[in-house]
Amino acid sequence: MNPRTAKRLRGFGLNGLAVAVFLVAVFPVYWMVATAFKPNDEIFTTRFIPFPLAPTFDHVSRVLTKGVAGHSIWQYLANSAVVAVGTVLIGSLFALLAATAVARFRFRFRTSFLILLLIVQMVPGEALLIPLFLMVRRLGMYDQLIGLIVVNVGFTLPFAIWMLRTFVAAVPKELEEAAAIDGAGRFVTFWRVLFPLVAPGLVATSIFSFITAWNELVFALTLINDQGKYTMPVALQFFTSQRSTDWGGIMAASTLMTIPVVAFFLLVQRRMVTGLVAGAVKG
C-alpha cells in the first residue's frame, strides 16, 4: 500500500474514532435536553423518538413557575452557586499557597506530603461520611451551607494542590530572584510575578472544583436538613416518588442545572487550555 494512502487511512480511522467518542459523550446530554421539550406521550412510549415531534415548554415552565417541593428552582440554583463559588474561592486560595510552598521550599517529609495527597484522593467519600457528619455537627456547621463548602474544599484541595504544584514549578525562579533584587518583597513578588504566570493553571483547577461542588449529592443530602438550603442535585430527587417519576420535570431541571456549568466553562475555556499546556512544559 502507498505510504501516503496508508497515512490518510490512518488519519481517517483516528478521526472516525474521535467522532464516535464525541457522539457517545454528547448523546446523553442531547437526550436530556430533547426529553425536556417532549410531551408526556412522547416520553412514555416504546418508540424511539430522537427529537421532539411536538415540542412543548410545559415541563420547563412548570419547573420555573411552580418550583420543586414548595421552593423556587432559583433558590436551589442559588444554593448550588454559593457552595460552588465558595468552594472555588476558598479552595483556590489554599491550593495556591500550598502548591507554592511545596514547589518552592524544601522541608522534611515533603515527598511524604505529596504521596499523602494522592492517597487522600483514593479514599471514597462515602467512607468518610460518618466522621465528617460528626465533625461538622460538633463545629456547629450542620445544616449550614458553610459546612458543605468546607467539606467540598477538603475533597477538592488535594487534587488542586497536586496540579498547581506543576504550574508553580514551571515558573523560573530567576524571575522571582530578579524581582527581589529590584527591591520587591515576598508578597509583591508573589502577587506581581508568580500569580499572573500561575493564573491559567488556577483557572484549570477552579473548573474541576466548580464542577465537583456543583454536582455533589451525598454530602449535600447528609449535611443539609432544611429543604430551603438544598442544592440542585438534592432537589432533583423530589421528582421521583414511590409510584411514579416525573421524567419531564427531571430533564427540564437537569437542563437548567447544566446551563451555569456550560456558561462557566465557556467563560474560562481559553485560559483553561492555556493553563493545561503551560503546566505540561515542566514537571
C-alpha atoms as a PDB file:
ATOM      1  CA  MET A   1       0.000   0.000   0.000  1.00  0.00           C
ATOM      2  CA  ASN A   2       1.158   3.500  -0.793  1.00  0.00           C
ATOM      3  CA  PRO A   3       2.547   5.178   2.376  1.00  0.00           C
ATOM      4  CA  ARG A   4       0.568   8.311   1.627  1.00  0.00           C
ATOM      5  CA  THR A   5      -2.629   6.285   1.258  1.00  0.00           C
ATOM      6  CA  ALA A   6      -1.873   4.406   4.478  1.00  0.00           C
ATOM      7  CA  LYS A   7      -1.342   7.702   6.275  1.00  0.00           C
ATOM      8  CA  ARG A   8      -4.673   9.016   5.012  1.00  0.00           C
ATOM      9  CA  LEU A   9      -6.473   5.844   6.073  1.00  0.00           C
ATOM     10  CA  ARG A  10      -4.891   6.009   9.499  1.00  0.00           C
ATOM     11  CA  GLY A  11      -5.928   9.649   9.863  1.00  0.00           C
ATOM     12  CA  PHE A  12      -9.431   8.809   8.689  1.00  0.00           C
ATOM     13  CA  GLY A  13      -9.658   5.993  11.240  1.00  0.00           C
ATOM     14  CA  LEU A  14      -8.451   8.219  14.096  1.00  0.00           C
ATOM     15  CA  ASN A  15     -10.859  10.979  13.126  1.00  0.00           C
ATOM     16  CA  GLY A  16     -13.701   8.472  12.902  1.00  0.00           C
ATOM     17  CA  LEU A  17     -12.820   7.145  16.363  1.00  0.00           C
ATOM     18  CA  ALA A  18     -12.754  10.687  17.758  1.00  0.00           C
ATOM     19  CA  VAL A  19     -16.168  11.408  16.251  1.00  0.00           C
ATOM     20  CA  ALA A  20     -17.561   8.168  17.721  1.00  0.00           C
ATOM     21  CA  VAL A  21     -16.248   9.034  21.203  1.00  0.00           C
ATOM     22  CA  PHE A  22     -17.698  12.538  20.870  1.00  0.00           C
ATOM     23  CA  LEU A  23     -21.129  11.196  19.914  1.00  0.00           C
ATOM     24  CA  VAL A  24     -21.144   8.723  22.801  1.00  0.00           C
ATOM     25  CA  ALA A  25     -20.246  11.511  25.243  1.00  0.00           C
ATOM     26  CA  VAL A  26     -22.707  14.060  23.857  1.00  0.00           C
ATOM     27  CA  PHE A  27     -25.714  11.769  23.292  1.00  0.00           C
ATOM     28  CA  PRO A  28     -26.833  11.632  26.973  1.00  0.00           C
ATOM     29  CA  VAL A  29     -26.769  15.435  27.123  1.00  0.00           C
ATOM     30  CA  TYR A  30     -28.717  15.700  23.881  1.00  0.00           C
ATOM     31  CA  TRP A  31     -31.274  13.158  25.102  1.00  0.00           C
ATOM     32  CA  MET A  32     -31.698  15.092  28.350  1.00  0.00           C
ATOM     33  CA  VAL A  33     -32.369  18.368  26.535  1.00  0.00           C
ATOM     34  CA  ALA A  34     -34.636  16.704  23.954  1.00  0.00           C
ATOM     35  CA  THR A  35     -36.680  14.961  26.648  1.00  0.00           C
ATOM     36  CA  ALA A  36     -37.137  18.270  28.480  1.00  0.00           C
ATOM     37  CA  PHE A  37     -39.123  19.538  25.472  1.00  0.00           C
ATOM     38  CA  LYS A  38     -41.074  16.361  24.712  1.00  0.00           C
ATOM     39  CA  PRO A  39     -44.746  15.959  25.731  1.00  0.00           C
ATOM     40  CA  ASN A  40     -45.533  13.087  28.075  1.00  0.00           C
ATOM     41  CA  ASP A  41     -46.939  10.869  25.327  1.00  0.00           C
ATOM     42  CA  GLU A  42     -43.573  11.016  23.536  1.00  0.00           C
ATOM     43  CA  ILE A  43     -41.635  10.391  26.749  1.00  0.00           C
ATOM     44  CA  PHE A  44     -43.674   7.368  27.880  1.00  0.00           C
ATOM     45  CA  THR A  45     -43.573   5.404  24.652  1.00  0.00           C
ATOM     46  CA  THR A  46     -41.781   2.325  23.380  1.00  0.00           C
ATOM     47  CA  ARG A  47     -40.939   4.048  20.095  1.00  0.00           C
ATOM     48  CA  PHE A  48     -37.548   5.620  19.563  1.00  0.00           C
ATOM     49  CA  ILE A  49     -38.116   9.349  19.081  1.00  0.00           C
ATOM     50  CA  PRO A  50     -34.748  11.076  18.579  1.00  0.00           C
ATOM     51  CA  PHE A  51     -36.179  14.614  18.735  1.00  0.00           C
ATOM     52  CA  PRO A  52     -39.478  16.148  19.910  1.00  0.00           C
ATOM     53  CA  LEU A  53     -42.175  15.754  17.279  1.00  0.00           C
ATOM     54  CA  ALA A  54     -44.419  18.263  19.056  1.00  0.00           C
ATOM     55  CA  PRO A  55     -42.070  20.425  21.179  1.00  0.00           C
ATOM     56  CA  THR A  56     -43.529  21.809  24.376  1.00  0.00           C
ATOM     57  CA  PHE A  57     -42.298  24.168  27.085  1.00  0.00           C
ATOM     58  CA  ASP A  58     -44.675  22.772  29.692  1.00  0.00           C
ATOM     59  CA  HIS A  59     -42.002  20.958  31.710  1.00  0.00           C
ATOM     60  CA  VAL A  60     -39.603  23.909  31.737  1.00  0.00           C
ATOM     61  CA  SER A  61     -42.401  26.350  32.517  1.00  0.00           C
ATOM     62  CA  ARG A  62     -43.712  24.170  35.343  1.00  0.00           C
ATOM     63  CA  VAL A  63     -40.269  23.870  36.915  1.00  0.00           C
ATOM     64  CA  LEU A  64     -39.653  27.617  36.659  1.00  0.00           C
ATOM     65  CA  THR A  65     -43.061  28.701  37.972  1.00  0.00           C
ATOM     66  CA  LYS A  66     -44.063  26.004  40.462  1.00  0.00           C
ATOM     67  CA  GLY A  67     -40.583  25.108  41.650  1.00  0.00           C
ATOM     68  CA  VAL A  68     -39.739  21.899  43.490  1.00  0.00           C
ATOM     69  CA  ALA A  69     -41.092  20.727  46.864  1.00  0.00           C
ATOM     70  CA  GLY A  70     -42.581  24.128  47.649  1.00  0.00           C
ATOM     71  CA  HIS A  71     -39.424  26.104  46.900  1.00  0.00           C
ATOM     72  CA  SER A  72     -38.404  28.060  43.847  1.00  0.00           C
ATOM     73  CA  ILE A  73     -35.938  26.433  41.467  1.00  0.00           C
ATOM     74  CA  TRP A  74     -33.923  29.658  41.640  1.00  0.00           C
ATOM     75  CA  GLN A  75     -33.408  29.113  45.353  1.00  0.00           C
ATOM     76  CA  TYR A  76     -31.841  25.707  44.730  1.00  0.00           C
ATOM     77  CA  LEU A  77     -29.699  27.151  41.940  1.00  0.00           C
ATOM     78  CA  ALA A  78     -28.592  29.968  44.244  1.00  0.00           C
ATOM     79  CA  ASN A  79     -27.629  27.467  46.964  1.00  0.00           C
ATOM     80  CA  SER A  80     -25.612  25.456  44.457  1.00  0.00           C
ATOM     81  CA  ALA A  81     -23.938  28.636  43.220  1.00  0.00           C
ATOM     82  CA  VAL A  82     -22.998  29.693  46.753  1.00  0.00           C
ATOM     83  CA  VAL A  83     -21.495  26.279  47.503  1.00  0.00           C
ATOM     84  CA  ALA A  84     -19.662  26.006  44.178  1.00  0.00           C
ATOM     85  CA  VAL A  85     -18.282  29.557  44.151  1.00  0.00           C
ATOM     86  CA  GLY A  86     -17.317  29.355  47.830  1.00  0.00           C
ATOM     87  CA  THR A  87     -15.502  26.081  47.193  1.00  0.00           C
ATOM     88  CA  VAL A  88     -13.632  27.598  44.246  1.00  0.00           C
ATOM     89  CA  LEU A  89     -12.579  30.777  46.069  1.00  0.00           C
ATOM     90  CA  ILE A  90     -11.508  29.180  49.344  1.00  0.00           C
ATOM     91  CA  GLY A  91     -10.000  26.096  47.721  1.00  0.00           C
ATOM     92  CA  SER A  92      -8.061  28.113  45.138  1.00  0.00           C
ATOM     93  CA  LEU A  93      -6.534  30.322  47.821  1.00  0.00           C
ATOM     94  CA  PHE A  94      -5.326  27.433  49.978  1.00  0.00           C
ATOM     95  CA  ALA A  95      -4.275  25.366  46.959  1.00  0.00           C
ATOM     96  CA  LEU A  96      -2.158  28.180  45.540  1.00  0.00           C
ATOM     97  CA  LEU A  97      -0.403  28.831  48.850  1.00  0.00           C
ATOM     98  CA  ALA A  98       0.204  25.127  49.495  1.00  0.00           C
ATOM     99  CA  ALA A  99       1.381  24.465  45.936  1.00  0.00           C
ATOM    100  CA  THR A 100       3.820  27.377  46.155  1.00  0.00           C
ATOM    101  CA  ALA A 101       5.218  26.037  49.427  1.00  0.00           C
ATOM    102  CA  VAL A 102       5.627  22.521  48.049  1.00  0.00           C
ATOM    103  CA  ALA A 103       7.192  23.668  44.766  1.00  0.00           C
ATOM    104  CA  ARG A 104       9.491  26.380  46.115  1.00  0.00           C
ATOM    105  CA  PHE A 105      10.610  25.212  49.570  1.00  0.00           C
ATOM    106  CA  ARG A 106      12.479  22.102  50.674  1.00  0.00           C
ATOM    107  CA  PHE A 107      11.390  20.637  54.014  1.00  0.00           C
ATOM    108  CA  ARG A 108      11.211  17.295  55.752  1.00  0.00           C
ATOM    109  CA  PHE A 109       8.512  14.855  54.679  1.00  0.00           C
ATOM    110  CA  ARG A 110       7.873  16.904  51.519  1.00  0.00           C
ATOM    111  CA  THR A 111       7.658  13.769  49.379  1.00  0.00           C
ATOM    112  CA  SER A 112       5.514  12.057  52.000  1.00  0.00           C
ATOM    113  CA  PHE A 113       3.136  15.005  51.921  1.00  0.00           C
ATOM    114  CA  LEU A 114       2.745  14.722  48.144  1.00  0.00           C
ATOM    115  CA  ILE A 115       2.138  10.982  48.384  1.00  0.00           C
ATOM    116  CA  LEU A 116      -0.415  11.619  51.129  1.00  0.00           C
ATOM    117  CA  LEU A 117      -2.314  13.927  48.776  1.00  0.00           C
ATOM    118  CA  LEU A 118      -2.640  11.093  46.273  1.00  0.00           C
ATOM    119  CA  ILE A 119      -3.740   8.653  48.969  1.00  0.00           C
ATOM    120  CA  VAL A 120      -6.462  11.056  50.122  1.00  0.00           C
ATOM    121  CA  GLN A 121      -7.793  11.188  46.562  1.00  0.00           C
ATOM    122  CA  MET A 122      -8.135   7.394  46.549  1.00  0.00           C
ATOM    123  CA  VAL A 123     -10.351   7.286  49.650  1.00  0.00           C
ATOM    124  CA  PRO A 124     -14.058   7.217  48.667  1.00  0.00           C
ATOM    125  CA  GLY A 125     -16.097   9.992  50.175  1.00  0.00           C
ATOM    126  CA  GLU A 126     -18.741   7.583  51.441  1.00  0.00           C
ATOM    127  CA  ALA A 127     -16.141   6.011  53.758  1.00  0.00           C
ATOM    128  CA  LEU A 128     -15.661   9.380  55.486  1.00  0.00           C
ATOM    129  CA  LEU A 129     -19.328  10.318  55.588  1.00  0.00           C
ATOM    130  CA  ILE A 130     -19.994   9.466  59.255  1.00  0.00           C
ATOM    131  CA  PRO A 131     -16.799  11.063  60.665  1.00  0.00           C
ATOM    132  CA  LEU A 132     -17.410  14.194  58.615  1.00  0.00           C
ATOM    133  CA  PHE A 133     -21.023  14.352  59.768  1.00  0.00           C
ATOM    134  CA  LEU A 134     -19.948  14.183  63.423  1.00  0.00           C
ATOM    135  CA  MET A 135     -17.187  16.746  62.878  1.00  0.00           C
ATOM    136  CA  VAL A 136     -19.455  19.213  61.084  1.00  0.00           C
ATOM    137  CA  ARG A 137     -22.135  18.886  63.771  1.00  0.00           C
ATOM    138  CA  ARG A 138     -19.628  19.469  66.595  1.00  0.00           C
ATOM    139  CA  LEU A 139     -18.332  22.579  64.843  1.00  0.00           C
ATOM    140  CA  GLY A 140     -21.868  23.957  64.635  1.00  0.00           C
ATOM    141  CA  MET A 141     -21.928  23.912  60.844  1.00  0.00           C
ATOM    142  CA  TYR A 142     -24.591  21.243  60.396  1.00  0.00           C
ATOM    143  CA  ASP A 143     -27.478  22.347  58.169  1.00  0.00           C
ATOM    144  CA  GLN A 144     -25.360  25.294  57.012  1.00  0.00           C
ATOM    145  CA  LEU A 145     -24.012  25.920  53.518  1.00  0.00           C
ATOM    146  CA  ILE A 146     -20.640  26.866  55.001  1.00  0.00           C
ATOM    147  CA  GLY A 147     -20.279  23.333  56.359  1.00  0.00           C
ATOM    148  CA  LEU A 148     -20.919  21.924  52.892  1.00  0.00           C
ATOM    149  CA  ILE A 149     -18.372  24.351  51.436  1.00  0.00           C
ATOM    150  CA  VAL A 150     -15.718  23.266  53.937  1.00  0.00           C
ATOM    151  CA  VAL A 151     -16.273  19.590  53.127  1.00  0.00           C
ATOM    152  CA  ASN A 152     -16.097  20.213  49.385  1.00  0.00           C
ATOM    153  CA  VAL A 153     -12.907  22.223  49.831  1.00  0.00           C
ATOM    154  CA  GLY A 154     -11.397  19.316  51.734  1.00  0.00           C
ATOM    155  CA  PHE A 155     -12.135  16.897  48.907  1.00  0.00           C
ATOM    156  CA  THR A 156     -11.054  19.128  46.026  1.00  0.00           C
ATOM    157  CA  LEU A 157      -7.961  20.573  47.710  1.00  0.00           C
ATOM    158  CA  PRO A 158      -5.570  17.580  47.268  1.00  0.00           C
ATOM    159  CA  PHE A 159      -6.039  17.431  43.503  1.00  0.00           C
ATOM    160  CA  ALA A 160      -5.816  21.221  43.214  1.00  0.00           C
ATOM    161  CA  ILE A 161      -2.533  21.310  45.174  1.00  0.00           C
ATOM    162  CA  TRP A 162      -1.020  18.499  43.143  1.00  0.00           C
ATOM    163  CA  MET A 163      -1.993  20.111  39.847  1.00  0.00           C
ATOM    164  CA  LEU A 164      -0.998  23.662  40.797  1.00  0.00           C
ATOM    165  CA  ARG A 165       2.373  22.444  42.032  1.00  0.00           C
ATOM    166  CA  THR A 166       3.250  21.644  38.413  1.00  0.00           C
ATOM    167  CA  PHE A 167       2.348  25.151  37.276  1.00  0.00           C
ATOM    168  CA  VAL A 168       4.328  26.811  40.071  1.00  0.00           C
ATOM    169  CA  ALA A 169       7.366  24.619  39.386  1.00  0.00           C
ATOM    170  CA  ALA A 170       7.219  25.630  35.698  1.00  0.00           C
ATOM    171  CA  VAL A 171       7.808  29.296  36.605  1.00  0.00           C
ATOM    172  CA  PRO A 172      11.591  30.030  36.577  1.00  0.00           C
ATOM    173  CA  LYS A 173      12.973  31.003  39.975  1.00  0.00           C
ATOM    174  CA  GLU A 174      15.128  33.619  38.255  1.00  0.00           C
ATOM    175  CA  LEU A 175      12.029  35.803  37.779  1.00  0.00           C
ATOM    176  CA  GLU A 176      11.397  35.916  41.499  1.00  0.00           C
ATOM    177  CA  GLU A 177      15.085  36.481  42.225  1.00  0.00           C
ATOM    178  CA  ALA A 178      15.163  39.384  39.756  1.00  0.00           C
ATOM    179  CA  ALA A 179      12.144  40.949  41.457  1.00  0.00           C
ATOM    180  CA  ALA A 180      13.824  40.539  44.860  1.00  0.00           C
ATOM    181  CA  ILE A 181      16.969  42.262  43.556  1.00  0.00           C
ATOM    182  CA  ASP A 182      14.793  45.169  42.401  1.00  0.00           C
ATOM    183  CA  GLY A 183      13.557  45.553  45.966  1.00  0.00           C
ATOM    184  CA  ALA A 184      10.254  43.676  45.830  1.00  0.00           C
ATOM    185  CA  GLY A 185       9.175  41.919  48.997  1.00  0.00           C
ATOM    186  CA  ARG A 186       7.805  38.392  49.245  1.00  0.00           C
ATOM    187  CA  PHE A 187       4.190  39.487  48.927  1.00  0.00           C
ATOM    188  CA  VAL A 188       4.868  41.774  45.951  1.00  0.00           C
ATOM    189  CA  THR A 189       6.888  39.037  44.250  1.00  0.00           C
ATOM    190  CA  PHE A 190       4.114  36.541  44.830  1.00  0.00           C
ATOM    191  CA  TRP A 191       1.330  38.869  43.643  1.00  0.00           C
ATOM    192  CA  ARG A 192       3.065  40.675  40.769  1.00  0.00           C
ATOM    193  CA  VAL A 193       5.345  37.923  39.396  1.00  0.00           C
ATOM    194  CA  LEU A 194       4.186  34.444  40.370  1.00  0.00           C
ATOM    195  CA  PHE A 195       0.412  34.870  40.449  1.00  0.00           C
ATOM    196  CA  PRO A 196      -0.059  36.167  36.859  1.00  0.00           C
ATOM    197  CA  LEU A 197       2.009  33.275  35.487  1.00  0.00           C
ATOM    198  CA  VAL A 198       0.150  30.658  37.553  1.00  0.00           C
ATOM    199  CA  ALA A 199      -3.309  32.173  36.920  1.00  0.00           C
ATOM    200  CA  PRO A 200      -4.080  29.938  33.874  1.00  0.00           C
ATOM    201  CA  GLY A 201      -3.384  26.845  35.982  1.00  0.00           C
ATOM    202  CA  LEU A 202      -5.534  28.280  38.749  1.00  0.00           C
ATOM    203  CA  VAL A 203      -8.395  28.583  36.271  1.00  0.00           C
ATOM    204  CA  ALA A 204      -7.959  24.938  35.225  1.00  0.00           C
ATOM    205  CA  THR A 205      -8.140  23.725  38.833  1.00  0.00           C
ATOM    206  CA  SER A 206     -11.082  26.044  39.506  1.00  0.00           C
ATOM    207  CA  ILE A 207     -13.104  24.311  36.798  1.00  0.00           C
ATOM    208  CA  PHE A 208     -12.512  20.955  38.483  1.00  0.00           C
ATOM    209  CA  SER A 209     -13.513  22.354  41.887  1.00  0.00           C
ATOM    210  CA  PHE A 210     -16.583  24.112  40.481  1.00  0.00           C
ATOM    211  CA  ILE A 211     -17.945  21.051  38.682  1.00  0.00           C
ATOM    212  CA  THR A 212     -17.232  18.790  41.670  1.00  0.00           C
ATOM    213  CA  ALA A 213     -19.029  21.078  44.125  1.00  0.00           C
ATOM    214  CA  TRP A 214     -21.895  21.799  41.710  1.00  0.00           C
ATOM    215  CA  ASN A 215     -22.691  18.122  41.107  1.00  0.00           C
ATOM    216  CA  GLU A 216     -22.045  16.834  44.647  1.00  0.00           C
ATOM    217  CA  LEU A 217     -25.023  14.935  46.103  1.00  0.00           C
ATOM    218  CA  VAL A 218     -24.115  12.649  49.026  1.00  0.00           C
ATOM    219  CA  PHE A 219     -22.701  15.282  51.386  1.00  0.00           C
ATOM    220  CA  ALA A 220     -25.357  17.823  50.463  1.00  0.00           C
ATOM    221  CA  LEU A 221     -28.064  15.287  51.278  1.00  0.00           C
ATOM    222  CA  THR A 222     -26.411  14.291  54.576  1.00  0.00           C
ATOM    223  CA  LEU A 223     -25.194  17.611  55.955  1.00  0.00           C
ATOM    224  CA  ILE A 224     -28.229  19.730  54.987  1.00  0.00           C
ATOM    225  CA  ASN A 225     -31.608  19.132  56.625  1.00  0.00           C
ATOM    226  CA  ASP A 226     -33.532  22.298  55.707  1.00  0.00           C
ATOM    227  CA  GLN A 227     -35.160  21.878  52.285  1.00  0.00           C
ATOM    228  CA  GLY A 228     -34.721  25.581  51.621  1.00  0.00           C
ATOM    229  CA  LYS A 229     -30.947  25.072  51.733  1.00  0.00           C
ATOM    230  CA  TYR A 230     -30.826  22.065  49.412  1.00  0.00           C
ATOM    231  CA  THR A 231     -28.670  22.238  46.310  1.00  0.00           C
ATOM    232  CA  MET A 232     -29.878  21.309  42.829  1.00  0.00           C
ATOM    233  CA  PRO A 233     -28.659  17.663  42.861  1.00  0.00           C
ATOM    234  CA  VAL A 234     -30.675  17.074  46.039  1.00  0.00           C
ATOM    235  CA  ALA A 235     -33.712  18.901  44.667  1.00  0.00           C
ATOM    236  CA  LEU A 236     -33.862  16.533  41.690  1.00  0.00           C
ATOM    237  CA  GLN A 237     -34.857  13.658  43.962  1.00  0.00           C
ATOM    238  CA  PHE A 238     -38.240  15.278  44.614  1.00  0.00           C
ATOM    239  CA  PHE A 239     -39.303  14.481  41.061  1.00  0.00           C
ATOM    240  CA  THR A 240     -39.315  10.777  41.994  1.00  0.00           C
ATOM    241  CA  SER A 241     -41.997   9.258  44.212  1.00  0.00           C
ATOM    242  CA  GLN A 242     -42.923   5.733  45.218  1.00  0.00           C
ATOM    243  CA  ARG A 243     -45.476   5.444  42.412  1.00  0.00           C
ATOM    244  CA  SER A 244     -44.055   7.431  39.510  1.00  0.00           C
ATOM    245  CA  THR A 245     -41.186   9.523  38.162  1.00  0.00           C
ATOM    246  CA  ASP A 246     -41.670  12.878  36.518  1.00  0.00           C
ATOM    247  CA  TRP A 247     -39.140  12.419  33.737  1.00  0.00           C
ATOM    248  CA  GLY A 248     -40.125  15.632  32.018  1.00  0.00           C
ATOM    249  CA  GLY A 249     -39.531  17.628  35.188  1.00  0.00           C
ATOM    250  CA  ILE A 250     -36.255  15.859  35.915  1.00  0.00           C
ATOM    251  CA  MET A 251     -34.917  16.534  32.424  1.00  0.00           C
ATOM    252  CA  ALA A 252     -36.088  20.162  32.470  1.00  0.00           C
ATOM    253  CA  ALA A 253     -34.483  20.812  35.888  1.00  0.00           C
ATOM    254  CA  SER A 254     -31.319  18.974  34.837  1.00  0.00           C
ATOM    255  CA  THR A 255     -31.090  21.114  31.699  1.00  0.00           C
ATOM    256  CA  LEU A 256     -31.410  24.270  33.769  1.00  0.00           C
ATOM    257  CA  MET A 257     -28.802  22.895  36.155  1.00  0.00           C
ATOM    258  CA  THR A 258     -26.360  22.294  33.297  1.00  0.00           C
ATOM    259  CA  ILE A 259     -26.555  25.822  31.868  1.00  0.00           C
ATOM    260  CA  PRO A 260     -24.414  27.522  34.593  1.00  0.00           C
ATOM    261  CA  VAL A 261     -21.694  24.870  34.240  1.00  0.00           C
ATOM    262  CA  VAL A 262     -21.578  25.277  30.461  1.00  0.00           C
ATOM    263  CA  ALA A 263     -21.534  29.063  30.814  1.00  0.00           C
ATOM    264  CA  PHE A 264     -18.687  28.899  33.342  1.00  0.00           C
ATOM    265  CA  PHE A 265     -16.727  26.540  31.107  1.00  0.00           C
ATOM    266  CA  LEU A 266     -17.175  28.719  28.012  1.00  0.00           C
ATOM    267  CA  LEU A 267     -16.165  31.772  30.024  1.00  0.00           C
ATOM    268  CA  VAL A 268     -12.790  30.326  31.062  1.00  0.00           C
ATOM    269  CA  GLN A 269     -12.204  27.921  28.162  1.00  0.00           C
ATOM    270  CA  ARG A 270      -9.315  29.828  26.615  1.00  0.00           C
ATOM    271  CA  ARG A 271      -7.492  30.263  29.902  1.00  0.00           C
ATOM    272  CA  MET A 272      -8.042  26.598  30.768  1.00  0.00           C
ATOM    273  CA  VAL A 273      -6.406  25.380  27.529  1.00  0.00           C
ATOM    274  CA  THR A 274      -3.516  27.783  28.029  1.00  0.00           C
ATOM    275  CA  GLY A 275      -3.087  26.608  31.595  1.00  0.00           C
ATOM    276  CA  LEU A 276      -3.035  22.926  30.720  1.00  0.00           C
ATOM    277  CA  VAL A 277      -0.425  23.478  28.010  1.00  0.00           C
ATOM    278  CA  ALA A 278       1.701  25.644  30.266  1.00  0.00           C
ATOM    279  CA  GLY A 279       1.593  23.117  33.068  1.00  0.00           C
ATOM    280  CA  ALA A 280       2.831  20.379  30.735  1.00  0.00           C
ATOM    281  CA  VAL A 281       6.066  22.203  29.981  1.00  0.00           C
ATOM    282  CA  LYS A 282       7.853  21.148  33.141  1.00  0.00           C
ATOM    283  CA  GLY A 283       7.109  18.502  35.743  1.00  0.00           C
END
